Protein backbone atom coordinates (compact mmCIF):
# COMPACT_ATOMS: atom_id res chain seq x y z
CA MET A 1 -5.59 0.73 10.28
CA LYS A 2 -8.36 2.97 9.06
CA LEU A 3 -11.42 0.80 9.41
CA TYR A 4 -13.74 3.84 9.17
CA LYS A 5 -13.32 3.59 5.39
CA VAL A 6 -15.05 0.22 5.50
CA GLY A 7 -17.94 1.77 7.39
CA SER A 8 -18.09 4.58 4.85
CA ALA A 9 -18.22 2.13 1.96
CA VAL A 10 -21.02 0.20 3.63
CA ALA A 11 -22.85 3.45 4.50
CA ILE A 12 -22.64 4.59 0.88
CA GLY A 13 -23.96 1.22 -0.21
CA VAL A 14 -26.85 1.47 2.22
CA ALA A 15 -27.62 5.04 1.10
CA VAL A 16 -27.76 3.92 -2.51
CA VAL A 17 -30.04 1.04 -1.52
CA ALA A 18 -32.36 3.54 0.20
CA ALA A 19 -32.71 5.48 -3.08
CA LEU A 20 -33.65 2.36 -5.07
CA PRO A 21 -37.38 3.01 -5.37
CA VAL A 22 -36.64 6.14 -7.38
CA VAL A 23 -34.16 4.64 -9.81
CA ALA A 24 -34.50 0.92 -9.12
CA ALA A 25 -33.72 -0.37 -12.58
CA VAL A 26 -30.40 1.48 -12.78
CA ALA A 27 -29.37 1.81 -9.14
CA LYS A 28 -29.96 -1.73 -7.88
CA PRO A 29 -26.99 -3.36 -9.63
CA ILE A 30 -24.75 -0.45 -8.64
CA ALA A 31 -25.90 -0.56 -5.01
CA LYS A 32 -25.49 -4.30 -4.88
CA LYS A 33 -21.94 -4.01 -6.18
CA ALA A 34 -21.11 -1.22 -3.70
CA VAL A 35 -22.34 -3.27 -0.75
CA LYS A 36 -20.58 -6.38 -2.04
CA GLU A 37 -17.29 -4.49 -2.51
CA GLY A 38 -17.61 -2.94 0.93
CA LEU A 39 -18.13 -6.33 2.54
CA LEU A 40 -15.27 -7.90 0.57
CA PHE A 41 -12.98 -5.04 1.58
CA TYR A 42 -13.99 -5.49 5.21
CA GLU A 43 -13.28 -9.24 5.10
CA LYS A 44 -9.91 -8.75 3.40
CA THR A 45 -9.01 -6.10 5.95
CA LYS A 46 -9.94 -8.42 8.83
CA ILE A 47 -7.72 -11.15 7.38
CA PHE A 48 -4.86 -8.71 6.79
CA VAL A 49 -5.04 -7.40 10.36
CA ALA A 50 -5.17 -10.91 11.82
CA GLU A 51 -2.15 -12.02 9.77
CA THR A 52 -0.23 -8.88 10.71
CA ILE A 53 -0.96 -9.42 14.40
CA GLU A 54 0.16 -13.04 14.11
CA ASP A 55 3.40 -11.99 12.36
CA MET A 56 4.11 -9.40 15.04
CA GLU A 57 3.47 -11.95 17.80
CA ASP A 58 5.86 -14.38 16.07
CA LEU A 59 8.54 -11.69 15.79
CA ALA A 60 8.11 -10.77 19.44
CA ALA A 61 8.39 -14.42 20.49
CA GLU A 62 11.54 -14.89 18.39
CA ALA A 63 13.10 -11.74 19.78
CA LYS A 64 12.23 -12.79 23.32
CA SER A 65 13.72 -16.23 22.73
CA GLU A 66 16.91 -14.77 21.26
CA ALA A 67 17.19 -12.30 24.13
CA ALA A 68 16.81 -15.13 26.65
CA GLY A 69 19.47 -17.12 24.79
CA MET A 70 21.87 -14.17 24.80
CA LYS A 71 21.23 -13.61 28.50
CA SER A 72 21.91 -17.30 29.16
CA GLU A 73 25.17 -17.19 27.17
CA LYS A 74 26.34 -14.10 29.07
CA THR A 75 25.50 -15.76 32.38
CA GLU A 76 27.53 -18.86 31.39
CA GLU A 77 30.47 -16.65 30.36
CA THR A 78 30.34 -14.78 33.66
CA VAL A 79 30.32 -18.05 35.64
CA LYS A 80 33.33 -19.34 33.66
CA GLU A 81 35.24 -16.09 34.19
CA GLU A 82 34.57 -16.15 37.93
CA SER A 83 35.78 -19.76 38.24
């Protein structure tokens, strides 16, 4: 995931905020929106990454469980064949 884009968005927002004294009447609403959008993007990205990690952990657990079940079935078959 390219989280540096979030940092760039926030940095741009901060840079715009720094220029506010010069063009305060026009730039303040724009800067505020840029910072807000950057923070919202960051939060959505955090949630997306957390959900993706959880999904991958679930898939890994299911695969591990199925693999253990298959191994158990093969072991039972081998014991029956040897008897």
